[in-house]
Amino acid sequence: MNTINLAKERDKAYADFEKEAGNVRKYEDSIMSLVKTNGLYGISVTDAAKQFSQFKQQFAGFESLSQQQQVTLAKTAGQLEKLGIATSDVIKTQDVLVKGMGMTVQQSTDLQKSLYATANAMGIPPKKMAADFDNVAPQFSAHGKSMTKVFL
């Protein structure tokens, strides 16, 4: 993509973000960082802005996280979305893991990637594994950090 097209895409993505979630200026550097570091996954400026916008709107406390934690969440969501798991499902899982179980952002994103890999190894569509995990996570949270072992 040439510079002019990238600038146009960025401007549109930022305008959409501003309409949906507001305060896009706070996230500009993070959005571009996500794009630059995730070329392998094909994450565009539009994709990255969407990740941040959805987290800002759907994940209570997102703005109080550090920039690094925000980027980690958006990066994981962007990668998993490109692999077939909706960002809204990633956010639901993050909500349970971080808020409900007290995991760190790094622990929770590592777990989500592990669930994806496990689903592939077992021949289960990752989207189904994510949805099943989201459905049972509140009940399994009583098992604490070993809940994934119980789930799998």
Protein backbone atom coordinates (compact mmCIF):
# COMPACT_ATOMS: atom_id res chain seq x y z
CA MET A 1 0.00 0.00 0.00
CA ASN A 2 1.41 3.36 -0.94
CA THR A 3 1.72 6.29 1.43
CA ILE A 4 -1.27 8.19 0.07
CA ASN A 5 -3.60 5.20 0.37
CA LEU A 6 -2.29 4.46 3.86
CA ALA A 7 -2.94 8.07 4.89
CA LYS A 8 -6.48 7.89 3.48
CA GLU A 9 -7.17 4.60 5.26
CA ARG A 10 -5.76 6.00 8.50
CA ASP A 11 -7.90 9.14 8.25
CA LYS A 12 -11.06 7.12 7.65
CA ALA A 13 -10.24 4.63 10.43
CA TYR A 14 -9.57 7.47 12.87
CA ALA A 15 -12.81 9.23 11.88
CA ASP A 16 -14.76 6.00 12.43
CA PHE A 17 -13.05 5.47 15.79
CA GLU A 18 -13.89 9.02 16.86
CA LYS A 19 -17.56 8.50 15.95
CA GLU A 20 -17.79 5.15 17.72
CA ALA A 21 -15.64 5.60 20.80
CA GLY A 22 -14.19 9.13 20.92
CA ASN A 23 -10.75 10.32 21.96
CA VAL A 24 -8.91 8.73 19.03
CA ARG A 25 -5.87 10.97 19.63
CA LYS A 26 -5.08 9.00 22.78
CA TYR A 27 -4.73 5.81 20.72
CA GLU A 28 -3.04 6.99 17.51
CA ASP A 29 0.45 5.80 18.44
CA SER A 30 -0.85 2.47 19.73
CA ILE A 31 -2.90 1.87 16.58
CA MET A 32 0.07 2.50 14.31
CA SER A 33 2.33 0.37 16.53
CA LEU A 34 -0.12 -2.51 16.21
CA VAL A 35 -0.16 -2.18 12.42
CA LYS A 36 3.64 -2.08 12.15
CA THR A 37 4.22 -5.10 14.39
CA ASN A 38 1.54 -7.36 12.91
CA GLY A 39 2.20 -7.39 9.19
CA LEU A 40 2.25 -11.20 9.22
CA TYR A 41 -1.41 -11.23 10.23
CA GLY A 42 -2.43 -8.56 7.73
CA ILE A 43 -3.73 -6.18 10.37
CA SER A 44 -4.55 -2.89 8.67
CA VAL A 45 -5.01 0.55 10.20
CA THR A 46 -8.77 -0.02 9.98
CA ASP A 47 -8.43 -3.36 11.80
CA ALA A 48 -6.22 -1.90 14.52
CA ALA A 49 -8.50 1.09 15.08
CA LYS A 50 -11.46 -1.29 15.31
CA GLN A 51 -9.70 -3.37 17.97
CA PHE A 52 -8.99 -0.35 20.15
CA SER A 53 -12.47 1.09 19.60
CA GLN A 54 -14.18 -2.16 20.60
CA PHE A 55 -12.04 -2.60 23.71
CA LYS A 56 -12.66 1.01 24.69
CA GLN A 57 -16.41 0.49 24.36
CA GLN A 58 -16.79 -3.06 25.69
CA PHE A 59 -14.02 -3.67 28.22
CA ALA A 60 -14.64 -1.65 31.37
CA GLY A 61 -11.38 -0.26 32.69
CA PHE A 62 -9.59 -0.42 29.35
CA GLU A 63 -8.56 3.21 29.59
CA SER A 64 -6.98 2.67 33.00
CA LEU A 65 -4.64 -0.02 31.65
CA SER A 66 -1.12 0.88 30.59
CA GLN A 67 -0.47 1.53 26.92
CA GLN A 68 1.49 -1.73 26.72
CA GLN A 69 -1.44 -3.69 28.21
CA GLN A 70 -3.87 -2.03 25.80
CA VAL A 71 -1.64 -2.89 22.84
CA THR A 72 -1.28 -6.48 24.07
CA LEU A 73 -5.07 -6.89 24.26
CA ALA A 74 -5.68 -5.27 20.87
CA LYS A 75 -2.84 -7.25 19.27
CA THR A 76 -4.20 -10.58 20.54
CA ALA A 77 -7.74 -9.68 19.47
CA GLY A 78 -6.53 -8.61 16.04
CA GLN A 79 -4.55 -11.78 15.51
CA LEU A 80 -7.36 -14.04 16.71
CA GLU A 81 -9.90 -12.18 14.60
CA LYS A 82 -7.78 -12.80 11.52
CA LEU A 83 -7.84 -16.47 12.53
CA GLY A 84 -11.64 -16.53 12.83
CA ILE A 85 -12.48 -15.52 16.42
CA ALA A 86 -14.56 -12.35 16.73
CA THR A 87 -13.13 -9.50 18.77
CA SER A 88 -16.33 -9.40 20.82
CA ASP A 89 -15.66 -13.02 21.87
CA VAL A 90 -12.06 -12.17 22.75
CA ILE A 91 -13.29 -9.27 24.88
CA LYS A 92 -15.81 -11.49 26.72
CA THR A 93 -13.07 -13.97 27.54
CA GLN A 94 -10.67 -11.24 28.61
CA ASP A 95 -13.33 -9.82 30.89
CA VAL A 96 -13.72 -13.16 32.69
CA LEU A 97 -10.01 -13.88 32.88
CA VAL A 98 -8.75 -10.45 33.94
CA LYS A 99 -11.62 -9.19 36.07
CA GLY A 100 -13.22 -12.42 37.22
CA MET A 101 -10.11 -14.47 37.80
CA GLY A 102 -7.51 -11.81 38.50
CA MET A 103 -5.17 -12.82 35.69
CA THR A 104 -2.76 -10.30 34.30
CA VAL A 105 -3.27 -9.13 30.73
CA GLN A 106 -0.25 -11.18 29.64
CA GLN A 107 -1.54 -14.33 31.35
CA SER A 108 -4.99 -13.94 29.82
CA THR A 109 -3.73 -13.30 26.29
CA ASP A 110 -1.33 -16.25 26.56
CA LEU A 111 -4.27 -18.41 27.64
CA GLN A 112 -6.40 -17.29 24.71
CA LYS A 113 -3.61 -18.14 22.28
CA SER A 114 -3.20 -21.51 24.01
CA LEU A 115 -6.93 -22.22 23.61
CA TYR A 116 -6.60 -21.44 19.90
CA ALA A 117 -3.65 -23.82 19.53
CA THR A 118 -5.45 -26.53 21.52
CA ALA A 119 -8.55 -26.21 19.35
CA ASN A 120 -6.43 -26.66 16.22
CA ALA A 121 -4.61 -29.65 17.70
CA MET A 122 -7.92 -31.28 18.65
CA GLY A 123 -9.51 -30.56 15.27
CA ILE A 124 -12.13 -28.26 16.80
CA PRO A 125 -12.89 -24.98 15.04
CA PRO A 126 -11.20 -22.26 17.17
CA LYS A 127 -14.35 -20.13 16.99
CA LYS A 128 -16.35 -22.98 18.58
CA MET A 129 -13.72 -23.51 21.28
CA ALA A 130 -13.77 -19.78 22.10
CA ALA A 131 -17.57 -19.70 22.26
CA ASP A 132 -17.70 -22.84 24.43
CA PHE A 133 -15.08 -21.42 26.76
CA ASP A 134 -17.01 -18.14 27.07
CA ASN A 135 -20.20 -20.04 27.87
CA VAL A 136 -18.72 -22.12 30.69
CA ALA A 137 -16.06 -19.75 32.03
CA PRO A 138 -18.27 -18.21 34.73
CA GLN A 139 -19.01 -21.68 36.16
CA PHE A 140 -15.45 -22.92 35.80
CA SER A 141 -13.97 -19.79 37.40
CA ALA A 142 -14.51 -21.46 40.78
CA HIS A 143 -11.54 -23.66 39.85
CA GLY A 144 -9.27 -20.61 39.78
CA LYS A 145 -6.26 -20.61 37.52
CA SER A 146 -6.64 -24.33 36.86
CA MET A 147 -10.01 -23.75 35.17
CA THR A 148 -8.53 -24.31 31.70
CA LYS A 149 -7.29 -27.73 32.70
CA VAL A 150 -10.81 -28.55 33.90
CA PHE A 151 -12.31 -27.12 30.69
CA LEU A 152 -10.01 -29.08 28.39
